[in-house]
Protein backbone atom coordinates (compact mmCIF):
# COMPACT_ATOMS: atom_id res chain seq x y z
CA MET A 1 -104.29 64.77 -22.37
CA LYS A 2 -101.70 64.38 -25.13
CA SER A 3 -99.30 62.92 -22.57
CA ILE A 4 -101.87 60.31 -21.51
CA LEU A 5 -102.56 59.30 -25.15
CA SER A 6 -98.85 59.02 -25.87
CA THR A 7 -98.38 56.83 -22.81
CA ILE A 8 -101.27 54.57 -23.83
CA SER A 9 -99.94 54.27 -27.40
CA LEU A 10 -96.49 53.36 -26.10
CA LEU A 11 -97.94 50.71 -23.80
CA VAL A 12 -99.92 49.21 -26.70
CA LEU A 13 -96.79 49.03 -28.85
CA ILE A 14 -94.82 47.45 -26.03
CA PHE A 15 -97.63 44.92 -25.48
CA PHE A 16 -97.69 43.79 -29.09
CA ALA A 17 -93.92 43.75 -29.29
CA CYS A 18 -93.76 41.56 -26.22
CA GLU A 19 -96.49 39.32 -27.61
CA LYS A 20 -94.49 38.75 -30.82
CA GLU A 21 -91.41 37.90 -28.79
CA SER A 22 -93.28 35.42 -26.60
CA PHE A 23 -94.02 31.82 -27.62
CA ILE A 24 -97.44 30.36 -28.23
CA THR A 25 -97.58 27.17 -26.20
CA GLY A 26 -101.15 25.94 -26.55
CA SER A 27 -102.30 23.13 -28.83
CA GLU A 28 -104.42 25.65 -30.75
CA ALA A 29 -101.26 26.96 -32.45
CA GLN A 30 -101.56 27.06 -36.24
CA LEU A 31 -98.88 25.56 -38.48
CA ARG A 32 -98.95 25.10 -42.25
CA THR A 33 -96.57 23.56 -44.80
CA SER A 34 -96.33 24.62 -48.44
CA GLU A 35 -96.46 20.95 -49.52
CA ASP A 36 -98.16 17.90 -48.05
CA SER A 37 -95.88 15.60 -50.04
CA LEU A 38 -92.70 15.71 -52.10
CA HIS A 39 -92.25 13.42 -55.10
CA PHE A 40 -88.93 12.66 -56.78
CA ASP A 41 -89.11 11.38 -60.36
CA THR A 42 -86.88 8.50 -61.43
CA VAL A 43 -83.67 8.54 -59.39
CA PHE A 44 -80.93 6.22 -60.58
CA THR A 45 -79.31 4.21 -57.81
CA SER A 46 -75.96 5.44 -56.49
CA THR A 47 -76.58 8.94 -57.86
CA GLY A 48 -78.05 11.78 -55.88
CA SER A 49 -81.26 13.58 -56.73
CA ILE A 50 -81.92 17.26 -57.16
CA THR A 51 -82.77 19.18 -53.99
CA ARG A 52 -86.44 19.83 -53.36
CA PHE A 53 -87.91 21.91 -50.56
CA PHE A 54 -91.01 22.99 -48.71
CA ARG A 55 -91.71 25.77 -46.23
CA VAL A 56 -93.09 25.55 -42.70
CA TYR A 57 -95.27 28.55 -41.87
CA ASN A 58 -96.02 29.90 -38.40
CA GLU A 59 -99.55 31.30 -38.79
CA ASN A 60 -99.65 32.79 -35.29
CA ASN A 61 -99.01 36.25 -33.86
CA GLN A 62 -96.43 34.79 -31.48
CA LYS A 63 -93.28 32.78 -31.94
CA LEU A 64 -93.65 29.03 -32.43
CA ARG A 65 -91.13 26.46 -31.26
CA LEU A 66 -90.92 23.17 -33.16
CA SER A 67 -89.86 20.67 -30.56
CA LYS A 68 -88.74 18.23 -33.26
CA LEU A 69 -88.51 17.99 -37.06
CA TYR A 70 -87.29 14.58 -38.19
CA LEU A 71 -87.19 11.80 -40.75
CA ALA A 72 -89.33 8.89 -39.62
CA GLY A 73 -86.77 6.52 -41.15
CA GLY A 74 -83.95 8.05 -39.15
CA LEU A 75 -80.35 7.42 -40.11
CA ALA A 76 -81.36 4.46 -42.28
CA SER A 77 -83.50 6.62 -44.56
CA ALA A 78 -82.48 7.15 -48.19
CA PHE A 79 -83.62 10.76 -47.77
CA LYS A 80 -81.59 13.58 -46.25
CA ILE A 81 -83.03 16.76 -44.76
CA ASN A 82 -81.82 20.20 -43.76
CA ALA A 83 -84.12 22.52 -41.81
CA ASP A 84 -83.30 26.17 -41.21
CA GLY A 85 -79.67 25.47 -42.12
CA ILE A 86 -79.30 22.49 -39.76
CA PRO A 87 -78.84 18.96 -41.19
CA GLY A 88 -80.98 16.05 -40.00
CA PRO A 89 -82.15 13.36 -39.64
CA GLU A 90 -83.50 15.11 -36.52
CA ILE A 91 -83.47 18.78 -35.61
CA ASN A 92 -84.74 19.99 -32.24
CA ASN A 93 -86.07 23.27 -30.86
CA ILE A 94 -86.46 25.22 -34.08
CA GLU A 95 -87.87 28.70 -33.49
CA ILE A 96 -90.08 30.39 -36.09
CA ASP A 97 -90.92 34.05 -35.64
CA ALA A 98 -94.53 35.20 -35.66
CA ARG A 99 -96.01 35.17 -39.18
CA ASP A 100 -92.73 33.85 -40.55
CA SER A 101 -91.48 30.59 -42.09
CA ILE A 102 -88.45 28.33 -42.47
CA TYR A 103 -87.22 26.22 -45.40
CA VAL A 104 -86.80 22.45 -45.26
CA PHE A 105 -84.57 20.98 -48.00
CA VAL A 106 -84.77 17.31 -49.03
CA THR A 107 -82.56 15.08 -51.20
CA VAL A 108 -82.50 11.34 -51.81
CA LYS A 109 -79.78 8.85 -52.69
CA ILE A 110 -80.86 5.28 -53.33
CA ASP A 111 -78.69 2.22 -52.84
CA PRO A 112 -78.61 -0.39 -55.63
CA SER A 113 -80.85 -3.44 -55.35
CA GLN A 114 -81.33 -6.64 -57.33
CA SER A 115 -84.46 -5.38 -59.08
CA ASP A 116 -84.48 -4.60 -62.80
CA LEU A 117 -87.86 -2.88 -62.46
CA PRO A 118 -88.41 0.58 -60.99
CA PHE A 119 -89.24 0.56 -57.29
CA VAL A 120 -90.63 3.06 -54.79
CA ILE A 121 -88.74 4.48 -51.80
CA GLN A 122 -90.94 6.13 -49.17
CA ASP A 123 -90.46 8.02 -45.94
CA SER A 124 -92.05 10.93 -44.11
CA ILE A 125 -91.01 14.04 -42.23
CA GLY A 126 -92.60 14.55 -38.83
CA ILE A 127 -93.04 18.03 -37.33
CA GLU A 128 -93.91 18.17 -33.61
CA TYR A 129 -95.02 21.33 -31.81
CA ASN A 130 -97.14 22.02 -28.71
CA GLY A 131 -98.29 18.41 -28.51
CA ASN A 132 -99.34 18.40 -32.18
CA LYS A 133 -97.85 16.44 -35.05
CA HIS A 134 -97.80 17.32 -38.76
CA TRP A 135 -96.55 15.02 -41.54
CA VAL A 136 -95.05 15.62 -44.99
CA GLN A 137 -94.87 12.46 -47.11
CA LEU A 138 -91.82 11.63 -49.26
CA ASP A 139 -91.54 9.21 -52.17
CA ALA A 140 -89.05 8.54 -54.95
CA TRP A 141 -88.96 6.14 -57.87
CA GLY A 142 -85.68 4.25 -57.75
CA GLN A 143 -84.16 2.58 -60.79
CA ASN A 144 -81.13 0.33 -60.93
CA ALA A 145 -79.01 0.99 -63.98
CA ASN A 146 -75.83 0.11 -65.83
CA PHE A 147 -73.45 3.01 -65.16
CA PHE A 148 -70.61 3.86 -67.52
CA ARG A 149 -68.19 6.73 -66.99
CA SER A 150 -65.86 7.86 -69.81
CA ARG A 151 -65.98 4.36 -71.30
CA LEU A 152 -64.31 3.01 -74.44
CA ILE A 153 -66.02 -0.03 -75.98
CA SER A 154 -63.14 -1.94 -77.56
CA SER A 155 -64.86 -5.23 -78.48
CA ASN A 156 -68.28 -6.12 -79.88
CA GLU A 157 -71.01 -5.65 -77.30
CA THR A 158 -74.80 -5.97 -77.03
CA TRP A 159 -77.06 -3.98 -74.71
CA ASN A 160 -80.52 -5.19 -73.71
CA SER A 161 -83.53 -3.63 -72.03
CA ASN A 162 -83.21 -5.30 -68.60
CA LYS A 163 -81.85 -2.12 -67.02
CA PRO A 164 -81.30 1.36 -68.45
CA TYR A 165 -77.84 2.65 -69.26
CA VAL A 166 -76.58 5.86 -67.66
CA ILE A 167 -73.60 7.48 -69.38
CA LEU A 168 -71.37 9.94 -67.51
CA GLY A 169 -68.39 11.67 -69.08
CA GLY A 170 -69.02 10.17 -72.52
CA LEU A 171 -68.89 6.84 -74.36
CA GLN A 172 -66.88 5.85 -77.43
CA VAL A 173 -67.34 2.85 -79.74
CA ASP A 174 -63.88 2.05 -81.06
CA THR A 175 -62.93 1.60 -84.73
CA ASN A 176 -64.02 -1.77 -86.20
CA VAL A 177 -66.16 -2.49 -83.12
CA THR A 178 -69.95 -2.93 -83.21
CA LEU A 179 -72.33 -1.91 -80.43
CA THR A 180 -75.76 -3.51 -80.85
CA ILE A 181 -78.68 -2.12 -78.85
CA GLU A 182 -81.77 -4.31 -78.60
CA LYS A 183 -85.41 -3.25 -78.54
CA GLY A 184 -86.80 -1.35 -75.57
CA THR A 185 -83.42 -0.20 -74.25
CA LYS A 186 -83.24 3.22 -72.60
CA ILE A 187 -80.04 5.28 -72.59
CA TYR A 188 -79.67 8.33 -70.34
CA LEU A 189 -76.74 10.67 -70.90
CA HIS A 190 -75.31 13.34 -68.63
CA ALA A 191 -74.62 16.88 -69.82
CA ASP A 192 -70.91 16.00 -70.26
CA ALA A 193 -71.50 12.72 -72.11
CA PRO A 194 -71.23 12.65 -75.93
CA PHE A 195 -72.00 9.30 -77.57
CA ILE A 196 -69.15 8.86 -80.09
CA VAL A 197 -69.16 6.15 -82.75
CA ASP A 198 -65.87 5.43 -84.51
CA GLY A 199 -67.00 1.87 -85.26
CA THR A 200 -70.58 0.73 -85.89
CA LEU A 201 -73.86 1.31 -84.07
CA LYS A 202 -76.79 -1.05 -84.68
CA ILE A 203 -80.13 -0.22 -83.06
CA ASN A 204 -82.85 -2.88 -83.25
CA GLY A 205 -85.89 -1.08 -81.93
CA GLU A 206 -89.43 -2.09 -82.84
CA LYS A 207 -92.59 -0.12 -83.53
CA PHE A 208 -94.32 -0.08 -80.13
CA ASP A 209 -93.60 2.71 -77.65
CA SER A 210 -92.19 0.18 -75.18
CA THR A 211 -89.88 -1.39 -77.77
CA ARG A 212 -88.32 1.73 -79.27
CA VAL A 213 -84.77 2.57 -78.22
CA VAL A 214 -84.59 5.96 -76.49
CA PHE A 215 -81.65 8.34 -76.00
CA GLN A 216 -82.23 11.31 -73.70
CA GLY A 217 -80.70 13.34 -70.87
CA ASP A 218 -80.36 11.91 -67.37
CA ARG A 219 -82.31 14.70 -65.64
CA LEU A 220 -85.81 13.24 -65.36
CA ASP A 221 -87.26 15.71 -62.88
CA GLU A 222 -89.46 18.61 -63.91
CA PRO A 223 -88.81 20.93 -65.62
CA TYR A 224 -85.42 19.60 -66.74
CA ARG A 225 -86.69 16.40 -68.35
CA ASN A 226 -87.81 18.32 -71.45
CA PHE A 227 -84.99 20.87 -71.74
CA PRO A 228 -83.20 20.90 -75.12
CA GLY A 229 -79.42 20.65 -74.97
CA ALA A 230 -79.50 18.29 -71.97
CA TRP A 231 -76.73 16.09 -73.47
CA PRO A 232 -74.33 16.53 -76.41
CA GLY A 233 -75.63 14.05 -79.02
CA ILE A 234 -74.54 11.04 -81.12
CA TYR A 235 -71.49 11.56 -83.35
CA PHE A 236 -70.50 9.25 -86.22
CA ARG A 237 -66.90 10.17 -86.98
CA GLY A 238 -64.50 9.58 -89.87
CA GLU A 239 -63.92 5.80 -89.79
CA SER A 240 -67.41 4.91 -88.61
CA LYS A 241 -69.34 2.68 -91.01
CA ASP A 242 -72.54 0.69 -91.60
CA ASN A 243 -74.54 2.39 -88.86
CA GLU A 244 -78.23 1.49 -88.81
CA LEU A 245 -80.85 2.93 -86.45
CA ASN A 246 -84.30 1.31 -86.42
CA TYR A 247 -87.15 2.74 -84.33
CA ALA A 248 -84.88 5.00 -82.30
CA ILE A 249 -85.87 8.19 -80.46
CA ILE A 250 -83.19 10.82 -79.93
CA LYS A 251 -84.47 13.77 -77.92
CA ASN A 252 -83.38 16.83 -75.95
CA ALA A 253 -79.77 16.73 -77.20
CA TYR A 254 -77.60 19.65 -78.25
CA GLN A 255 -77.05 18.03 -81.66
CA GLY A 256 -79.12 14.90 -82.26
CA LEU A 257 -77.24 12.96 -84.95
CA VAL A 258 -74.00 14.15 -86.55
CA SER A 259 -72.46 12.19 -89.42
CA GLU A 260 -69.02 13.38 -90.52
CA LYS A 261 -67.10 12.49 -93.70
CA PRO A 262 -68.03 10.07 -96.50
CA SER A 263 -68.73 6.38 -96.12
CA ILE A 264 -65.60 4.26 -96.33
CA ASN A 265 -67.46 1.54 -98.29
CA SER A 266 -70.39 1.29 -100.72
CA ASN A 267 -73.03 1.35 -97.95
CA PRO A 268 -74.54 4.49 -96.45
CA LYS A 269 -72.56 5.67 -93.47
CA LEU A 270 -75.81 6.17 -91.55
CA THR A 271 -79.17 4.54 -92.24
CA LEU A 272 -82.23 5.79 -90.35
CA ASN A 273 -85.45 3.79 -90.40
CA GLU A 274 -88.57 4.90 -88.47
CA CYS A 275 -86.69 7.27 -86.16
CA ILE A 276 -87.69 10.41 -84.24
CA ILE A 277 -85.25 13.26 -83.57
CA ASP A 278 -86.89 15.88 -81.37
CA ASN A 279 -86.20 19.05 -79.39
CA CYS A 280 -82.47 19.36 -80.11
CA PHE A 281 -81.10 22.78 -79.25
CA ASP A 282 -78.72 23.25 -82.21
CA ILE A 283 -79.29 20.68 -84.99
CA GLY A 284 -81.45 17.58 -85.29
CA VAL A 285 -79.69 15.78 -88.18
CA PHE A 286 -76.33 17.13 -89.35
CA GLY A 287 -74.62 15.62 -92.38
CA LEU A 288 -71.14 17.01 -93.04
CA ARG A 289 -69.78 15.74 -96.39
CA SER A 290 -71.34 12.42 -95.44
CA ASN A 291 -73.71 9.72 -96.65
CA ILE A 292 -77.14 9.33 -95.02
CA LYS A 293 -80.16 7.28 -96.07
CA ALA A 294 -83.35 8.06 -94.15
CA ARG A 295 -86.81 6.50 -94.31
CA ASN A 296 -89.87 7.43 -92.25
CA ILE A 297 -88.08 9.82 -89.93
CA LEU A 298 -89.58 12.73 -88.00
CA VAL A 299 -87.32 15.67 -87.17
CA SER A 300 -89.19 18.15 -85.02
CA ASN A 301 -88.72 21.40 -83.12
CA CYS A 302 -84.95 21.68 -83.24
CA GLY A 303 -82.92 24.87 -83.56
CA LYS A 304 -82.11 23.70 -87.09
CA ASN A 305 -83.89 20.51 -88.05
CA ILE A 306 -81.82 19.12 -90.94
CA VAL A 307 -78.50 20.55 -92.16
CA LEU A 308 -76.63 18.81 -94.99
CA ALA A 309 -73.44 20.79 -95.60
CA TYR A 310 -70.15 20.60 -97.49
CA GLY A 311 -71.49 18.14 -100.04
CA GLY A 312 -72.18 14.45 -99.61
CA SER A 313 -74.78 11.91 -100.70
CA TYR A 314 -78.26 11.85 -99.16
CA ASP A 315 -81.50 9.97 -99.75
CA PHE A 316 -84.59 10.96 -97.72
CA ASN A 317 -87.92 9.22 -98.33
CA HIS A 318 -91.21 9.75 -96.45
CA CYS A 319 -89.70 12.13 -93.92
CA THR A 320 -91.30 15.00 -92.00
CA SER A 321 -89.26 18.00 -90.88
CA ALA A 322 -91.43 20.40 -88.86
CA ALA A 323 -90.70 23.19 -86.40
CA PHE A 324 -92.82 25.53 -84.31
CA SER A 325 -91.66 28.19 -81.86
CA ASN A 326 -92.36 27.24 -78.27
CA SER A 327 -91.17 28.10 -74.77
CA PHE A 328 -87.83 26.32 -75.36
CA ILE A 329 -86.79 27.06 -78.95
CA LEU A 330 -87.57 29.97 -81.30
CA HIS A 331 -88.15 28.78 -84.85
CA LYS A 332 -85.80 31.06 -86.82
CA GLU A 333 -83.93 28.69 -89.17
CA PRO A 334 -85.20 26.70 -92.20
CA VAL A 335 -86.18 23.11 -91.46
CA LEU A 336 -83.92 21.98 -94.33
CA LEU A 337 -80.60 23.56 -95.35
CA VAL A 338 -78.55 21.96 -98.14
CA THR A 339 -75.13 23.36 -99.12
CA ASP A 340 -72.00 22.35 -100.98
CA PHE A 341 -69.72 24.31 -98.65
CA ILE A 342 -68.60 25.19 -95.18
CA LYS A 343 -66.49 28.08 -94.00
CA GLN A 344 -63.47 27.58 -91.78
CA GLY A 345 -62.33 31.03 -90.79
CA ASN A 346 -61.69 32.85 -94.07
CA THR A 347 -61.43 29.61 -96.05
CA LEU A 348 -64.33 28.30 -98.13
CA LEU A 349 -64.37 24.49 -98.49
CA THR A 350 -66.62 22.90 -101.13
CA ASP A 351 -67.50 19.43 -102.37
CA ASN A 352 -70.00 17.70 -104.66
CA ILE A 353 -73.48 17.03 -103.37
CA ASN A 354 -76.15 14.57 -104.50
CA ALA A 355 -79.38 14.70 -102.49
CA VAL A 356 -82.83 13.28 -103.23
CA PHE A 357 -85.97 14.01 -101.20
CA ARG A 358 -89.10 11.99 -101.99
CA ASN A 359 -92.48 12.20 -100.29
CA CYS A 360 -91.24 14.62 -97.62
CA ILE A 361 -92.89 17.44 -95.66
CA PHE A 362 -90.90 20.59 -94.84
CA TRP A 363 -93.01 22.90 -92.70
CA GLY A 364 -92.67 25.45 -89.93
CA ASP A 365 -94.84 28.06 -88.26
CA ASN A 366 -95.08 30.47 -85.35
CA GLY A 367 -91.58 31.68 -86.13
CA THR A 368 -89.61 34.10 -88.30
CA VAL A 369 -88.85 31.86 -91.31
CA ASP A 370 -90.26 32.55 -94.79
CA ASP A 371 -88.37 29.82 -96.65
CA GLU A 372 -88.32 26.44 -94.92
CA VAL A 373 -86.17 24.88 -97.67
CA VAL A 374 -82.89 26.54 -98.62
CA ALA A 375 -80.31 25.19 -101.09
CA SER A 376 -77.10 27.22 -101.22
CA LYS A 377 -74.33 26.68 -103.78
CA GLN A 378 -71.00 28.50 -103.62
CA GLY A 379 -68.45 26.15 -105.11
CA ASN A 380 -67.68 25.04 -108.66
CA THR A 381 -69.07 21.64 -107.77
CA SER A 382 -71.67 19.14 -108.90
CA PHE A 383 -74.87 20.25 -107.15
CA LEU A 384 -77.60 17.66 -107.75
CA VAL A 385 -80.53 18.27 -105.38
CA ASN A 386 -83.91 16.89 -106.35
CA PHE A 387 -87.36 17.03 -104.70
CA GLN A 388 -90.15 14.68 -105.77
CA ASN A 389 -93.73 14.71 -104.47
CA CYS A 390 -92.94 16.88 -101.47
CA LEU A 391 -94.90 19.47 -99.50
CA TRP A 392 -93.04 22.60 -98.46
CA LYS A 393 -93.50 26.12 -97.18
CA VAL A 394 -91.44 28.70 -99.10
CA LYS A 395 -91.87 32.34 -100.03
CA ASN A 396 -89.08 32.01 -102.58
CA ALA A 397 -88.63 28.69 -104.35
CA PRO A 398 -85.18 27.25 -103.58
CA ASP A 399 -82.41 27.87 -106.10
CA ASN A 400 -80.10 25.29 -107.63
CA ILE A 401 -82.57 22.39 -107.37
CA SER A 402 -84.91 20.36 -109.54
CA SER A 403 -88.42 19.42 -108.43
CA SER A 404 -91.63 17.75 -109.53
CA ASN A 405 -95.15 17.36 -108.11
CA ILE A 406 -94.65 19.83 -105.25
CA VAL A 407 -97.46 20.89 -102.90
CA SER A 408 -96.39 24.44 -102.08
CA ASN A 409 -97.53 26.59 -99.16
CA GLU A 410 -100.55 24.49 -98.23
CA ALA A 411 -100.59 23.74 -94.52
CA PRO A 412 -100.15 19.98 -94.02
CA LEU A 413 -102.87 19.96 -91.34
CA PHE A 414 -101.08 18.01 -88.67
CA ASP A 415 -103.37 16.28 -86.20
CA SER A 416 -102.61 18.67 -83.32
CA VAL A 417 -100.20 21.50 -82.58
CA ASN A 418 -100.28 23.22 -79.18
CA ASN A 419 -97.24 25.47 -78.83
CA GLN A 420 -98.18 26.73 -75.37
CA LYS A 421 -98.31 23.23 -73.90
CA ARG A 422 -95.65 21.85 -76.26
CA LEU A 423 -97.96 19.09 -77.43
CA TYR A 424 -97.46 17.95 -81.01
CA ASN A 425 -98.95 15.17 -83.10
CA PHE A 426 -97.54 15.22 -86.62
CA ARG A 427 -99.91 12.60 -88.01
CA LEU A 428 -102.18 13.93 -90.76
CA LYS A 429 -105.80 14.96 -90.58
CA GLU A 430 -108.21 13.40 -93.04
CA GLU A 431 -108.39 16.59 -95.13
CA SER A 432 -104.61 17.15 -95.30
CA PRO A 433 -103.29 18.19 -98.74
CA ALA A 434 -100.50 15.65 -98.20
CA ARG A 435 -103.00 12.78 -98.41
CA ASN A 436 -102.54 10.44 -101.38
CA LYS A 437 -100.00 12.76 -103.05
CA GLY A 438 -96.92 10.61 -102.64
CA LEU A 439 -94.81 8.72 -105.12
CA ASN A 440 -95.16 4.97 -104.85
CA SER A 441 -91.88 3.46 -103.69
CA SER A 442 -90.51 0.46 -101.87
CA VAL A 443 -91.44 1.97 -98.48
CA ASN A 444 -94.44 -0.15 -97.45
CA ILE A 445 -94.79 0.97 -93.80
CA ASP A 446 -94.83 4.31 -91.96
CA LEU A 447 -93.18 5.63 -88.79
CA ASP A 448 -95.76 3.81 -86.65
CA GLY A 449 -95.03 0.56 -88.48
CA ASN A 450 -98.46 0.71 -90.10
CA PRO A 451 -98.85 -0.37 -93.74
CA ARG A 452 -98.82 2.05 -96.65
CA PRO A 453 -101.20 1.41 -99.57
CA LEU A 454 -100.22 -0.16 -102.85
CA GLY A 455 -101.55 2.95 -104.60
CA LEU A 456 -100.62 6.55 -103.86
CA PRO A 457 -99.20 6.93 -100.34
CA ASP A 458 -99.41 10.03 -98.15
CA ILE A 459 -96.53 12.49 -98.10
CA GLY A 460 -94.55 12.54 -94.86
CA CYS A 461 -93.54 9.99 -92.24
CA TYR A 462 -97.10 9.03 -91.22
CA GLU A 463 -99.76 7.30 -93.31
CA LYS A 464 -103.33 8.22 -92.40
CA GLN A 465 -105.01 5.04 -91.18
């Protein structure tokens, strides 16, 4: 009896083994793909995209043979495919084991066109098996651009918004040369592309979203489009002078704006009007023995928002520096650090500092910081740091400073803060303690370009409307 049962069991195993090794050939065969469509975010012409993929699943208890997997556009398609390790545009007789799957990888490279506007490239992948046909749709937004690789600008130049600018390997504005960037221009920088200014940078953005000038990384696909540290930053070096940024957005850099050494004339080395510096991995605004004048700027969610070190001269009016821990950056540094020194190895270098902060908010939360404003003096220098009509969060009041009319440790009540979704609106709620607590000054608009009242303005970069 045991012998008969063993024989039957063996036959059953052999049957199922043979079934799995055989091919299903009827039209009732079940096939599924992990995606019905693949979308590629903005792809600049002449540059390749990231690689995306989907899986083709054999849902049957027998092998399935794909007679053909192909790009409908054939060799002329902007898309390229690779299925089960075999490049396209057409792959024949692909075998998928029972209850198994294969990967299909897709890239796209778009040829330049005459269009200044974004355009759509479309194709589809056909999968044929047992007389059936399954489609996966492909689309990509193409964008012509001005491409610069390791470029030196040696004479005055103006950029406009007709096409974006893509910088590879870095860009340098030479000494005594001015680069002017007009409203609405978009600049995308590769991970190896610092934007170096030895001459002068003039940015003429305007208040609407479409007319601001934007600097960001050149990876526009998810999730990379919002990664901090995607490009190095903008660096104003020793001989640079008379730089003025109006309605600029600098985001996702390693260091947003770095201004080194004093101004070589009586003007500020760097003037910032109505600018946003956001999501920079190391520092948002870094002044190193320099001269910066800032009005209506928002510095948000950087590793260190504002660092003014080794002395210098600084004037900040109606600025908001705010940081919250999120999935990209842990808030563990004060949103404002002011020092008269730097350390180079074992050497301490010091210089005089004169810094004034009027109508500013310094706030952070969801992190490990008790004192959001720190002023540190180590040299035998002139240390003049003054805060007027500001709101800050500190456990210990900063040393070495003077202050008046400070709103201390009262939450500014920003309009919305969602750390999980990384959604932030730093405008003020109606009941904010920063409302109508400012010092009247010559600043008659806010970061949105909206008017400020003739009476007491709100503290921070936004005026409640």
